[in-house]
């Protein structure tokens, strides 16, 4: 199992599945289109994930399905329930950026509640600020209408949300996980390797 992200790559034996996000073995099958192998037609290839059973489609080495495979995968350290909603939003983006944004706001609320002390997003953000959440992330959450006067209720569809908003919500989720779960753990690991000179 790979801990580093391995993006989907044509005919690779294993990579992080664009559907389930897990590093898994891929099985490959080729189909000739518009003629036989001696023809100049394109070749359709099908990769199937051994973990989730879902497939990716490739034409002449370029992945055409799923179309949102360029989206970042959730950080491994993301809480499981939040991760499930993140992956659902990832599968939803191409069909409906508004629905993906609604799911992502729900996931962010879940993450902030998981990391905070109450069910109130604004109060939890104050608590997370004291824990070291970068003020720029909080500004981004306001601009993405997670908090403030123009906040959109998590899970609600907002007609103003487009693909750009959804992609920013994906990114901010991973940034919060990185800032409050990944980096503190790495610092603790580093301190554990250093001699105590106090």
N, C-alpha and C. Protein backbone atom coordinates (compact mmCIF):
# COMPACT_ATOMS: atom_id res chain seq x y z
N UNK A 1 0.86 -1.19 0.00
CA UNK A 1 0.00 0.00 0.00
C UNK A 1 0.89 1.24 0.00
N UNK A 2 0.58 2.20 -0.88
CA UNK A 2 1.40 3.40 -1.01
C UNK A 2 0.85 4.51 -0.13
N UNK A 3 1.76 5.19 0.62
CA UNK A 3 1.33 6.32 1.45
C UNK A 3 1.36 7.62 0.67
N UNK A 4 2.22 7.70 -0.36
CA UNK A 4 2.28 8.88 -1.22
C UNK A 4 1.22 8.74 -2.31
N UNK A 5 0.66 9.88 -2.74
CA UNK A 5 -0.36 9.85 -3.78
C UNK A 5 0.26 9.45 -5.11
N UNK A 6 -0.32 8.44 -5.73
CA UNK A 6 0.10 8.00 -7.05
C UNK A 6 -1.06 8.27 -8.01
N UNK A 7 -0.93 9.28 -8.87
CA UNK A 7 -2.05 9.63 -9.75
C UNK A 7 -2.32 8.54 -10.78
N UNK A 8 -3.55 8.49 -11.29
CA UNK A 8 -3.85 7.53 -12.35
C UNK A 8 -2.91 7.71 -13.53
N UNK A 9 -2.41 6.61 -14.03
CA UNK A 9 -1.48 6.65 -15.15
C UNK A 9 -1.76 5.44 -16.05
N UNK A 10 -1.73 5.68 -17.34
CA UNK A 10 -2.12 4.66 -18.31
C UNK A 10 -1.32 3.38 -18.18
N UNK A 11 -2.04 2.28 -18.05
CA UNK A 11 -1.49 0.92 -18.00
C UNK A 11 -0.60 0.65 -16.78
N UNK A 12 -0.64 1.54 -15.78
CA UNK A 12 0.10 1.27 -14.56
C UNK A 12 -0.57 0.13 -13.79
N UNK A 13 0.25 -0.66 -13.11
CA UNK A 13 -0.26 -1.80 -12.35
C UNK A 13 -1.07 -1.33 -11.15
N UNK A 14 -0.67 -0.20 -10.55
CA UNK A 14 -1.39 0.32 -9.40
C UNK A 14 -1.29 1.83 -9.32
N UNK A 15 -2.36 2.47 -8.83
CA UNK A 15 -2.38 3.90 -8.54
C UNK A 15 -3.56 4.19 -7.64
N UNK A 16 -3.69 5.43 -7.19
CA UNK A 16 -4.83 5.81 -6.37
C UNK A 16 -6.06 5.92 -7.27
N UNK A 17 -7.05 5.10 -6.97
CA UNK A 17 -8.25 5.03 -7.79
C UNK A 17 -8.96 6.38 -7.83
N UNK A 18 -9.36 6.85 -9.02
CA UNK A 18 -10.06 8.13 -9.11
C UNK A 18 -11.48 8.08 -8.53
N UNK A 19 -11.96 6.88 -8.20
CA UNK A 19 -13.29 6.74 -7.61
C UNK A 19 -13.24 6.63 -6.09
N UNK A 20 -12.53 5.62 -5.60
CA UNK A 20 -12.54 5.38 -4.15
C UNK A 20 -11.37 6.04 -3.43
N UNK A 21 -10.37 6.51 -4.18
CA UNK A 21 -9.25 7.21 -3.56
C UNK A 21 -8.21 6.32 -2.91
N UNK A 22 -8.37 4.99 -3.03
CA UNK A 22 -7.45 4.05 -2.40
C UNK A 22 -6.40 3.60 -3.41
N UNK A 23 -5.15 3.43 -2.93
CA UNK A 23 -4.12 2.87 -3.80
C UNK A 23 -4.46 1.40 -4.02
N UNK A 24 -4.65 1.00 -5.28
CA UNK A 24 -5.07 -0.36 -5.56
C UNK A 24 -4.53 -0.85 -6.90
N UNK A 25 -4.47 -2.17 -7.01
CA UNK A 25 -4.08 -2.81 -8.27
C UNK A 25 -5.14 -2.53 -9.33
N UNK A 26 -4.68 -2.30 -10.57
CA UNK A 26 -5.60 -2.04 -11.68
C UNK A 26 -5.46 -3.16 -12.71
N UNK A 27 -6.60 -3.64 -13.20
CA UNK A 27 -6.62 -4.63 -14.28
C UNK A 27 -6.96 -3.90 -15.57
N UNK A 28 -6.31 -4.26 -16.66
CA UNK A 28 -6.45 -3.52 -17.92
C UNK A 28 -6.98 -4.40 -19.04
N UNK A 29 -7.85 -3.80 -19.89
CA UNK A 29 -8.42 -4.47 -21.04
C UNK A 29 -8.43 -3.47 -22.20
N UNK A 30 -8.12 -3.93 -23.42
CA UNK A 30 -8.10 -3.06 -24.60
C UNK A 30 -9.20 -3.47 -25.57
N UNK A 31 -9.78 -2.46 -26.23
CA UNK A 31 -10.78 -2.68 -27.27
C UNK A 31 -10.41 -1.77 -28.43
N UNK A 32 -10.32 -2.33 -29.64
CA UNK A 32 -10.01 -1.51 -30.83
C UNK A 32 -11.30 -0.85 -31.31
N UNK A 33 -11.22 0.43 -31.63
CA UNK A 33 -12.38 1.17 -32.14
C UNK A 33 -12.20 1.46 -33.62
N UNK A 34 -13.28 1.46 -34.37
CA UNK A 34 -13.29 1.83 -35.79
C UNK A 34 -12.28 1.03 -36.61
N UNK A 35 -12.28 -0.25 -36.42
CA UNK A 35 -11.40 -1.09 -37.23
C UNK A 35 -10.52 -1.98 -36.37
N UNK A 36 -9.72 -2.76 -37.03
CA UNK A 36 -8.86 -3.71 -36.33
C UNK A 36 -7.56 -3.08 -35.92
N UNK A 37 -6.64 -3.90 -35.41
CA UNK A 37 -5.36 -3.39 -34.91
C UNK A 37 -4.48 -2.75 -35.99
N UNK A 38 -4.69 -3.13 -37.28
CA UNK A 38 -3.90 -2.55 -38.36
C UNK A 38 -4.50 -1.24 -38.87
N UNK A 39 -5.70 -0.93 -38.42
CA UNK A 39 -6.39 0.29 -38.83
C UNK A 39 -5.85 1.48 -38.02
N UNK A 40 -6.17 2.69 -38.44
CA UNK A 40 -5.70 3.87 -37.73
C UNK A 40 -6.68 4.32 -36.65
N UNK A 41 -7.65 3.44 -36.33
CA UNK A 41 -8.64 3.80 -35.32
C UNK A 41 -8.05 3.94 -33.94
N UNK A 42 -8.83 4.57 -33.04
CA UNK A 42 -8.38 4.77 -31.66
C UNK A 42 -8.51 3.47 -30.88
N UNK A 43 -7.75 3.39 -29.80
CA UNK A 43 -7.84 2.24 -28.92
C UNK A 43 -8.46 2.67 -27.60
N UNK A 44 -9.51 1.99 -27.24
CA UNK A 44 -10.18 2.23 -25.96
C UNK A 44 -9.64 1.23 -24.96
N UNK A 45 -9.19 1.74 -23.83
CA UNK A 45 -8.69 0.87 -22.76
C UNK A 45 -9.54 1.07 -21.52
N UNK A 46 -9.71 -0.01 -20.80
CA UNK A 46 -10.52 -0.01 -19.59
C UNK A 46 -9.65 -0.48 -18.43
N UNK A 47 -9.58 0.34 -17.39
CA UNK A 47 -8.87 -0.06 -16.17
C UNK A 47 -9.89 -0.29 -15.07
N UNK A 48 -9.77 -1.37 -14.33
CA UNK A 48 -10.71 -1.61 -13.23
C UNK A 48 -9.94 -1.70 -11.92
N UNK A 49 -10.50 -1.08 -10.90
CA UNK A 49 -9.89 -1.04 -9.58
C UNK A 49 -10.24 -2.31 -8.81
N UNK A 50 -9.23 -2.99 -8.28
CA UNK A 50 -9.49 -4.20 -7.50
C UNK A 50 -10.13 -3.91 -6.15
N UNK A 51 -10.02 -2.68 -5.68
CA UNK A 51 -10.60 -2.32 -4.38
C UNK A 51 -12.10 -2.07 -4.48
N UNK A 52 -12.52 -1.18 -5.39
CA UNK A 52 -13.94 -0.80 -5.46
C UNK A 52 -14.67 -1.39 -6.66
N UNK A 53 -13.93 -1.93 -7.64
CA UNK A 53 -14.56 -2.54 -8.80
C UNK A 53 -14.98 -1.55 -9.88
N UNK A 54 -14.81 -0.25 -9.63
CA UNK A 54 -15.20 0.75 -10.63
C UNK A 54 -14.12 0.85 -11.70
N UNK A 55 -14.49 1.45 -12.83
CA UNK A 55 -13.58 1.47 -13.96
C UNK A 55 -13.20 2.89 -14.37
N UNK A 56 -12.08 2.98 -15.07
CA UNK A 56 -11.67 4.22 -15.73
C UNK A 56 -11.55 3.90 -17.22
N UNK A 57 -11.91 4.87 -18.06
CA UNK A 57 -11.84 4.70 -19.52
C UNK A 57 -10.72 5.58 -20.07
N UNK A 58 -9.97 5.01 -21.00
CA UNK A 58 -8.83 5.72 -21.58
C UNK A 58 -8.90 5.58 -23.10
N UNK A 59 -8.68 6.66 -23.83
CA UNK A 59 -8.56 6.60 -25.29
C UNK A 59 -7.15 7.06 -25.65
N UNK A 60 -6.44 6.16 -26.32
CA UNK A 60 -5.05 6.42 -26.72
C UNK A 60 -4.22 6.96 -25.56
N UNK A 61 -4.37 6.36 -24.39
CA UNK A 61 -3.55 6.70 -23.24
C UNK A 61 -4.02 7.88 -22.42
N UNK A 62 -5.12 8.52 -22.81
CA UNK A 62 -5.66 9.66 -22.07
C UNK A 62 -6.95 9.24 -21.36
N UNK A 63 -7.02 9.51 -20.05
CA UNK A 63 -8.21 9.14 -19.31
C UNK A 63 -9.36 10.08 -19.67
N UNK A 64 -10.50 9.49 -20.06
CA UNK A 64 -11.68 10.29 -20.39
C UNK A 64 -12.80 10.10 -19.36
N UNK A 65 -12.69 9.07 -18.53
CA UNK A 65 -13.68 8.84 -17.47
C UNK A 65 -12.97 8.19 -16.28
N UNK A 66 -13.21 8.62 -15.05
CA UNK A 66 -14.10 9.72 -14.68
C UNK A 66 -13.47 11.07 -15.03
N UNK A 67 -14.31 12.05 -15.39
CA UNK A 67 -13.77 13.34 -15.84
C UNK A 67 -13.15 14.18 -14.74
N UNK A 68 -13.47 13.93 -13.47
CA UNK A 68 -12.92 14.74 -12.38
C UNK A 68 -11.70 14.11 -11.71
N UNK A 69 -10.99 13.30 -12.46
CA UNK A 69 -9.85 12.61 -11.87
C UNK A 69 -8.73 13.56 -11.47
N UNK A 70 -8.76 14.80 -11.96
CA UNK A 70 -7.71 15.76 -11.60
C UNK A 70 -7.96 16.41 -10.25
N UNK A 71 -9.10 16.12 -9.64
CA UNK A 71 -9.39 16.69 -8.32
C UNK A 71 -8.51 16.02 -7.27
N UNK A 72 -8.13 16.78 -6.23
CA UNK A 72 -7.29 16.16 -5.19
C UNK A 72 -8.08 15.12 -4.42
N UNK A 73 -7.38 14.08 -4.00
CA UNK A 73 -7.98 13.07 -3.13
C UNK A 73 -7.99 13.61 -1.71
N UNK A 74 -8.87 13.08 -0.86
CA UNK A 74 -8.85 13.54 0.53
C UNK A 74 -7.59 13.08 1.23
N UNK A 75 -7.11 13.91 2.16
CA UNK A 75 -5.94 13.52 2.95
C UNK A 75 -6.26 12.25 3.72
N UNK A 76 -5.28 11.39 3.85
CA UNK A 76 -5.46 10.11 4.55
C UNK A 76 -5.95 10.34 5.98
N UNK A 77 -5.52 11.43 6.59
CA UNK A 77 -5.85 11.71 7.98
C UNK A 77 -7.27 12.27 8.17
N UNK A 78 -7.98 12.53 7.08
CA UNK A 78 -9.33 13.08 7.18
C UNK A 78 -10.24 12.08 7.89
N UNK A 79 -11.07 12.53 8.85
CA UNK A 79 -11.99 11.61 9.53
C UNK A 79 -12.87 10.87 8.52
N UNK A 80 -13.15 9.60 8.81
CA UNK A 80 -13.83 8.73 7.85
C UNK A 80 -15.15 9.28 7.33
N UNK A 81 -16.01 9.78 8.22
CA UNK A 81 -17.31 10.31 7.78
C UNK A 81 -17.16 11.50 6.85
N UNK A 82 -16.20 12.35 7.15
CA UNK A 82 -15.93 13.54 6.32
C UNK A 82 -15.37 13.08 4.97
N UNK A 83 -14.51 12.08 5.02
CA UNK A 83 -13.89 11.54 3.80
C UNK A 83 -14.94 10.97 2.85
N UNK A 84 -15.93 10.28 3.40
CA UNK A 84 -16.99 9.70 2.56
C UNK A 84 -17.77 10.79 1.82
N UNK A 85 -18.08 11.88 2.53
CA UNK A 85 -18.82 12.98 1.90
C UNK A 85 -17.94 13.65 0.85
N UNK A 86 -16.65 13.82 1.16
CA UNK A 86 -15.69 14.40 0.21
C UNK A 86 -15.67 13.59 -1.09
N UNK A 87 -15.56 12.26 -0.96
CA UNK A 87 -15.51 11.41 -2.15
C UNK A 87 -16.82 11.45 -2.93
N UNK A 88 -17.95 11.54 -2.23
CA UNK A 88 -19.24 11.67 -2.91
C UNK A 88 -19.28 12.96 -3.70
N UNK A 89 -18.80 14.05 -3.10
CA UNK A 89 -18.75 15.34 -3.81
C UNK A 89 -17.84 15.26 -5.02
N UNK A 90 -16.75 14.52 -4.88
CA UNK A 90 -15.80 14.36 -5.98
C UNK A 90 -16.45 13.65 -7.17
N UNK A 91 -17.28 12.65 -6.87
CA UNK A 91 -17.99 11.93 -7.94
C UNK A 91 -19.12 12.77 -8.54
N UNK A 92 -19.58 13.78 -7.80
CA UNK A 92 -20.73 14.58 -8.20
C UNK A 92 -20.36 15.81 -9.01
N UNK A 93 -19.14 16.29 -8.90
CA UNK A 93 -18.77 17.60 -9.44
C UNK A 93 -19.14 17.79 -10.90
N UNK A 94 -18.82 16.83 -11.75
CA UNK A 94 -19.07 17.02 -13.18
C UNK A 94 -20.56 17.11 -13.50
N UNK A 95 -21.37 16.36 -12.78
CA UNK A 95 -22.82 16.39 -13.03
C UNK A 95 -23.44 17.66 -12.45
N UNK A 96 -22.96 18.09 -11.27
CA UNK A 96 -23.55 19.26 -10.63
C UNK A 96 -22.58 19.91 -9.65
N UNK A 97 -21.88 20.98 -10.08
CA UNK A 97 -21.00 21.70 -9.16
C UNK A 97 -21.75 22.24 -7.95
N UNK A 98 -23.02 22.62 -8.11
CA UNK A 98 -23.81 23.13 -6.99
C UNK A 98 -24.03 22.04 -5.95
N UNK A 99 -24.36 20.84 -6.41
CA UNK A 99 -24.56 19.72 -5.47
C UNK A 99 -23.24 19.36 -4.78
N UNK A 100 -22.15 19.37 -5.54
CA UNK A 100 -20.83 19.08 -4.96
C UNK A 100 -20.48 20.11 -3.89
N UNK A 101 -20.77 21.39 -4.16
CA UNK A 101 -20.49 22.45 -3.19
C UNK A 101 -21.31 22.26 -1.92
N UNK A 102 -22.58 21.88 -2.08
CA UNK A 102 -23.44 21.64 -0.91
C UNK A 102 -22.87 20.50 -0.06
N UNK A 103 -22.43 19.43 -0.71
CA UNK A 103 -21.84 18.30 0.01
C UNK A 103 -20.54 18.72 0.71
N UNK A 104 -19.75 19.52 0.03
CA UNK A 104 -18.47 19.95 0.61
C UNK A 104 -18.67 20.86 1.82
N UNK A 105 -19.67 21.73 1.77
CA UNK A 105 -19.95 22.56 2.95
C UNK A 105 -20.37 21.67 4.12
N UNK A 106 -21.12 20.62 3.81
CA UNK A 106 -21.50 19.65 4.84
C UNK A 106 -20.26 18.97 5.42
N UNK A 107 -19.34 18.60 4.54
CA UNK A 107 -18.10 17.94 4.98
C UNK A 107 -17.24 18.89 5.82
N UNK A 108 -17.15 20.15 5.41
CA UNK A 108 -16.37 21.13 6.18
C UNK A 108 -16.98 21.33 7.56
N UNK A 109 -18.30 21.43 7.60
CA UNK A 109 -18.96 21.57 8.91
C UNK A 109 -18.66 20.36 9.79
N UNK A 110 -18.72 19.16 9.20
CA UNK A 110 -18.40 17.94 9.95
C UNK A 110 -16.97 17.93 10.45
N UNK A 111 -16.05 18.39 9.62
CA UNK A 111 -14.64 18.43 10.02
C UNK A 111 -14.43 19.44 11.14
N UNK A 112 -15.03 20.62 11.00
CA UNK A 112 -14.87 21.66 12.02
C UNK A 112 -15.49 21.22 13.34
N UNK A 113 -16.63 20.51 13.27
CA UNK A 113 -17.24 19.99 14.50
C UNK A 113 -16.36 18.91 15.13
N UNK A 114 -15.77 18.07 14.28
CA UNK A 114 -14.87 17.01 14.76
C UNK A 114 -13.65 17.60 15.48
N UNK A 115 -13.13 18.69 14.93
CA UNK A 115 -11.93 19.30 15.50
C UNK A 115 -12.24 20.30 16.61
N UNK A 116 -13.47 20.80 16.64
CA UNK A 116 -13.83 21.86 17.58
C UNK A 116 -14.42 21.33 18.87
N UNK A 117 -15.17 22.22 19.53
CA UNK A 117 -15.73 21.90 20.85
C UNK A 117 -17.25 21.93 20.87
N UNK A 118 -17.88 22.58 19.88
CA UNK A 118 -19.34 22.72 19.87
C UNK A 118 -19.87 22.37 18.48
N UNK A 119 -21.19 22.54 18.27
CA UNK A 119 -21.77 22.33 16.95
C UNK A 119 -21.83 23.63 16.14
N UNK A 120 -21.47 24.75 16.75
CA UNK A 120 -21.52 26.04 16.08
C UNK A 120 -20.22 26.28 15.30
N UNK A 121 -20.35 26.47 13.99
CA UNK A 121 -19.18 26.63 13.13
C UNK A 121 -18.35 27.85 13.53
N UNK A 122 -19.00 28.99 13.76
CA UNK A 122 -18.28 30.22 14.10
C UNK A 122 -17.51 30.06 15.42
N UNK A 123 -18.16 29.48 16.44
CA UNK A 123 -17.48 29.27 17.72
C UNK A 123 -16.31 28.31 17.56
N UNK A 124 -16.51 27.26 16.78
CA UNK A 124 -15.42 26.31 16.56
C UNK A 124 -14.26 26.95 15.83
N UNK A 125 -14.56 27.85 14.89
CA UNK A 125 -13.47 28.53 14.18
C UNK A 125 -12.63 29.37 15.13
N UNK A 126 -13.27 30.01 16.11
CA UNK A 126 -12.52 30.76 17.12
C UNK A 126 -11.61 29.82 17.90
N UNK A 127 -12.15 28.66 18.27
CA UNK A 127 -11.36 27.66 18.99
C UNK A 127 -10.20 27.17 18.12
N UNK A 128 -10.48 26.90 16.84
CA UNK A 128 -9.43 26.40 15.94
C UNK A 128 -8.40 27.48 15.65
N UNK A 129 -8.81 28.74 15.69
CA UNK A 129 -7.87 29.84 15.56
C UNK A 129 -6.86 29.80 16.70
N UNK A 130 -7.35 29.54 17.90
CA UNK A 130 -6.44 29.44 19.06
C UNK A 130 -5.52 28.22 18.93
N UNK A 131 -5.97 27.20 18.20
CA UNK A 131 -5.14 26.02 17.97
C UNK A 131 -4.15 26.21 16.84
N UNK A 132 -4.25 27.34 16.14
CA UNK A 132 -3.26 27.64 15.11
C UNK A 132 -3.78 27.62 13.68
N UNK A 133 -5.11 27.58 13.47
CA UNK A 133 -5.64 27.63 12.11
C UNK A 133 -5.31 28.98 11.50
N UNK A 134 -4.66 28.96 10.37
CA UNK A 134 -4.23 30.18 9.68
C UNK A 134 -5.42 31.10 9.42
N UNK A 135 -5.20 32.38 9.69
CA UNK A 135 -6.27 33.37 9.48
C UNK A 135 -6.70 33.42 8.02
N UNK A 136 -5.78 33.13 7.09
CA UNK A 136 -6.13 33.15 5.67
C UNK A 136 -7.13 32.05 5.33
N UNK A 137 -7.02 30.92 6.01
CA UNK A 137 -8.00 29.85 5.80
C UNK A 137 -9.37 30.31 6.28
N UNK A 138 -9.39 31.03 7.40
CA UNK A 138 -10.67 31.54 7.91
C UNK A 138 -11.27 32.58 6.96
N UNK A 139 -10.42 33.42 6.36
CA UNK A 139 -10.89 34.39 5.37
C UNK A 139 -11.48 33.64 4.17
N UNK A 140 -10.79 32.58 3.73
CA UNK A 140 -11.28 31.78 2.61
C UNK A 140 -12.63 31.16 2.94
N UNK A 141 -12.81 30.69 4.18
CA UNK A 141 -14.09 30.10 4.58
C UNK A 141 -15.21 31.15 4.53
N UNK A 142 -14.90 32.39 4.87
CA UNK A 142 -15.90 33.45 4.76
C UNK A 142 -16.25 33.71 3.29
N UNK A 143 -15.23 33.79 2.45
CA UNK A 143 -15.47 34.04 1.02
C UNK A 143 -16.22 32.89 0.36
N UNK A 144 -16.01 31.68 0.89
CA UNK A 144 -16.72 30.51 0.36
C UNK A 144 -18.09 30.36 1.02
N UNK A 145 -18.46 31.35 1.83
CA UNK A 145 -19.76 31.44 2.48
C UNK A 145 -20.05 30.29 3.43
N UNK A 146 -19.01 29.88 4.17
CA UNK A 146 -19.20 28.90 5.24
C UNK A 146 -19.64 29.59 6.52
N UNK A 147 -19.19 30.82 6.72
CA UNK A 147 -19.55 31.62 7.90
C UNK A 147 -19.82 33.05 7.45
N UNK A 148 -20.40 33.83 8.35
CA UNK A 148 -20.67 35.24 8.05
C UNK A 148 -22.11 35.46 7.64
N UNK A 149 -22.40 36.72 7.33
CA UNK A 149 -23.78 37.11 7.00
C UNK A 149 -24.31 36.42 5.75
N UNK A 150 -23.43 36.13 4.79
CA UNK A 150 -23.86 35.51 3.53
C UNK A 150 -23.66 34.00 3.54
N UNK A 151 -23.49 33.41 4.72
CA UNK A 151 -23.23 31.97 4.81
C UNK A 151 -24.37 31.15 4.21
N UNK A 152 -23.97 30.08 3.53
CA UNK A 152 -24.92 29.13 2.97
C UNK A 152 -25.02 27.97 3.96
N UNK A 153 -26.21 27.58 4.31
CA UNK A 153 -26.40 26.46 5.24
C UNK A 153 -25.79 25.21 4.62
N UNK A 154 -24.92 24.49 5.37
CA UNK A 154 -24.32 23.27 4.83
C UNK A 154 -25.39 22.30 4.33
N UNK A 155 -25.16 21.74 3.15
CA UNK A 155 -26.10 20.80 2.57
C UNK A 155 -27.14 21.45 1.68
N UNK A 156 -27.21 22.78 1.69
CA UNK A 156 -28.19 23.50 0.87
C UNK A 156 -27.57 23.83 -0.50
N UNK A 157 -28.38 23.70 -1.54
CA UNK A 157 -27.95 24.05 -2.90
C UNK A 157 -28.02 25.56 -3.05
N UNK A 158 -26.95 26.16 -3.56
CA UNK A 158 -26.92 27.60 -3.81
C UNK A 158 -26.68 27.81 -5.31
N UNK A 159 -27.58 28.55 -5.95
CA UNK A 159 -27.50 28.74 -7.40
C UNK A 159 -26.25 29.49 -7.83
N UNK A 160 -25.59 30.18 -6.90
CA UNK A 160 -24.39 30.93 -7.24
C UNK A 160 -23.12 30.10 -7.25
N UNK A 161 -23.21 28.85 -6.81
CA UNK A 161 -22.02 28.01 -6.76
C UNK A 161 -21.71 27.42 -8.13
N UNK A 162 -20.46 27.56 -8.53
CA UNK A 162 -20.00 26.97 -9.78
C UNK A 162 -18.84 26.03 -9.51
N UNK A 163 -18.21 25.58 -10.57
CA UNK A 163 -17.10 24.64 -10.44
C UNK A 163 -15.93 25.25 -9.66
N UNK A 164 -15.68 26.53 -9.87
CA UNK A 164 -14.56 27.20 -9.17
C UNK A 164 -14.77 27.16 -7.65
N UNK A 165 -16.00 27.41 -7.21
CA UNK A 165 -16.30 27.35 -5.78
C UNK A 165 -16.10 25.94 -5.25
N UNK A 166 -16.60 24.95 -5.99
CA UNK A 166 -16.47 23.56 -5.54
C UNK A 166 -15.00 23.17 -5.43
N UNK A 167 -14.20 23.53 -6.42
CA UNK A 167 -12.78 23.17 -6.38
C UNK A 167 -12.07 23.84 -5.20
N UNK A 168 -12.46 25.07 -4.89
CA UNK A 168 -11.87 25.75 -3.74
C UNK A 168 -12.27 25.06 -2.44
N UNK A 169 -13.52 24.58 -2.36
CA UNK A 169 -13.98 23.87 -1.16
C UNK A 169 -13.22 22.56 -0.97
N UNK A 170 -12.95 21.84 -2.06
CA UNK A 170 -12.13 20.62 -1.97
C UNK A 170 -10.77 20.97 -1.37
N UNK A 171 -10.17 22.03 -1.89
CA UNK A 171 -8.82 22.41 -1.46
C UNK A 171 -8.80 22.85 0.00
N UNK A 172 -9.81 23.63 0.41
CA UNK A 172 -9.81 24.15 1.79
C UNK A 172 -9.97 23.02 2.80
N UNK A 173 -10.76 22.01 2.43
CA UNK A 173 -10.93 20.85 3.31
C UNK A 173 -9.58 20.18 3.59
N UNK A 174 -8.84 19.93 2.52
CA UNK A 174 -7.53 19.30 2.68
C UNK A 174 -6.56 20.21 3.44
N UNK A 175 -6.65 21.52 3.21
CA UNK A 175 -5.77 22.45 3.93
C UNK A 175 -6.03 22.44 5.44
N UNK A 176 -7.30 22.37 5.82
CA UNK A 176 -7.63 22.33 7.25
C UNK A 176 -7.11 21.04 7.87
N UNK A 177 -7.29 19.92 7.18
CA UNK A 177 -6.77 18.63 7.69
C UNK A 177 -5.26 18.71 7.83
N UNK A 178 -4.61 19.28 6.82
CA UNK A 178 -3.15 19.38 6.86
C UNK A 178 -2.69 20.26 8.02
N UNK A 179 -3.36 21.41 8.20
CA UNK A 179 -2.94 22.37 9.24
C UNK A 179 -3.17 21.85 10.65
N UNK A 180 -4.29 21.17 10.88
CA UNK A 180 -4.67 20.82 12.25
C UNK A 180 -4.49 19.35 12.62
N UNK A 181 -4.26 18.49 11.64
CA UNK A 181 -4.05 17.07 11.94
C UNK A 181 -2.68 16.58 11.49
N UNK A 182 -2.31 16.91 10.25
CA UNK A 182 -1.07 16.38 9.69
C UNK A 182 0.16 17.06 10.27
N UNK A 183 0.20 18.39 10.20
CA UNK A 183 1.40 19.10 10.66
C UNK A 183 1.69 18.89 12.14
N UNK A 184 0.68 18.98 13.04
CA UNK A 184 0.99 18.71 14.46
C UNK A 184 1.53 17.30 14.69
N UNK A 185 1.01 16.32 13.95
CA UNK A 185 1.52 14.95 14.10
C UNK A 185 2.97 14.86 13.64
N UNK A 186 3.29 15.54 12.53
CA UNK A 186 4.68 15.51 12.04
C UNK A 186 5.63 16.18 13.03
N UNK A 187 5.18 17.28 13.62
CA UNK A 187 6.01 17.97 14.62
C UNK A 187 6.24 17.05 15.82
N UNK A 188 5.18 16.38 16.28
CA UNK A 188 5.31 15.45 17.41
C UNK A 188 6.29 14.32 17.07
N UNK A 189 6.20 13.80 15.84
CA UNK A 189 7.12 12.73 15.42
C UNK A 189 8.56 13.23 15.40
N UNK A 190 8.76 14.46 14.91
CA UNK A 190 10.11 15.02 14.86
C UNK A 190 10.65 15.24 16.28
N UNK A 191 9.80 15.79 17.18
CA UNK A 191 10.23 16.01 18.56
C UNK A 191 10.57 14.71 19.25
N UNK A 192 9.84 13.65 18.91
CA UNK A 192 10.10 12.35 19.51
C UNK A 192 11.47 11.79 19.14
N UNK A 193 12.03 12.24 18.01
CA UNK A 193 13.33 11.76 17.56
C UNK A 193 14.47 12.60 18.10
N UNK A 194 14.15 13.77 18.66
CA UNK A 194 15.20 14.67 19.16
C UNK A 194 15.49 14.40 20.63
N UNK A 195 16.73 14.57 21.05
CA UNK A 195 17.04 14.39 22.47
C UNK A 195 16.41 15.50 23.33
N UNK A 196 15.97 15.12 24.50
CA UNK A 196 15.37 16.09 25.44
C UNK A 196 16.50 16.78 26.18
N UNK A 197 16.70 18.09 25.94
CA UNK A 197 17.82 18.83 26.55
C UNK A 197 17.36 19.73 27.67
N UNK A 198 16.10 19.60 28.09
CA UNK A 198 15.63 20.47 29.18
C UNK A 198 16.05 19.93 30.53
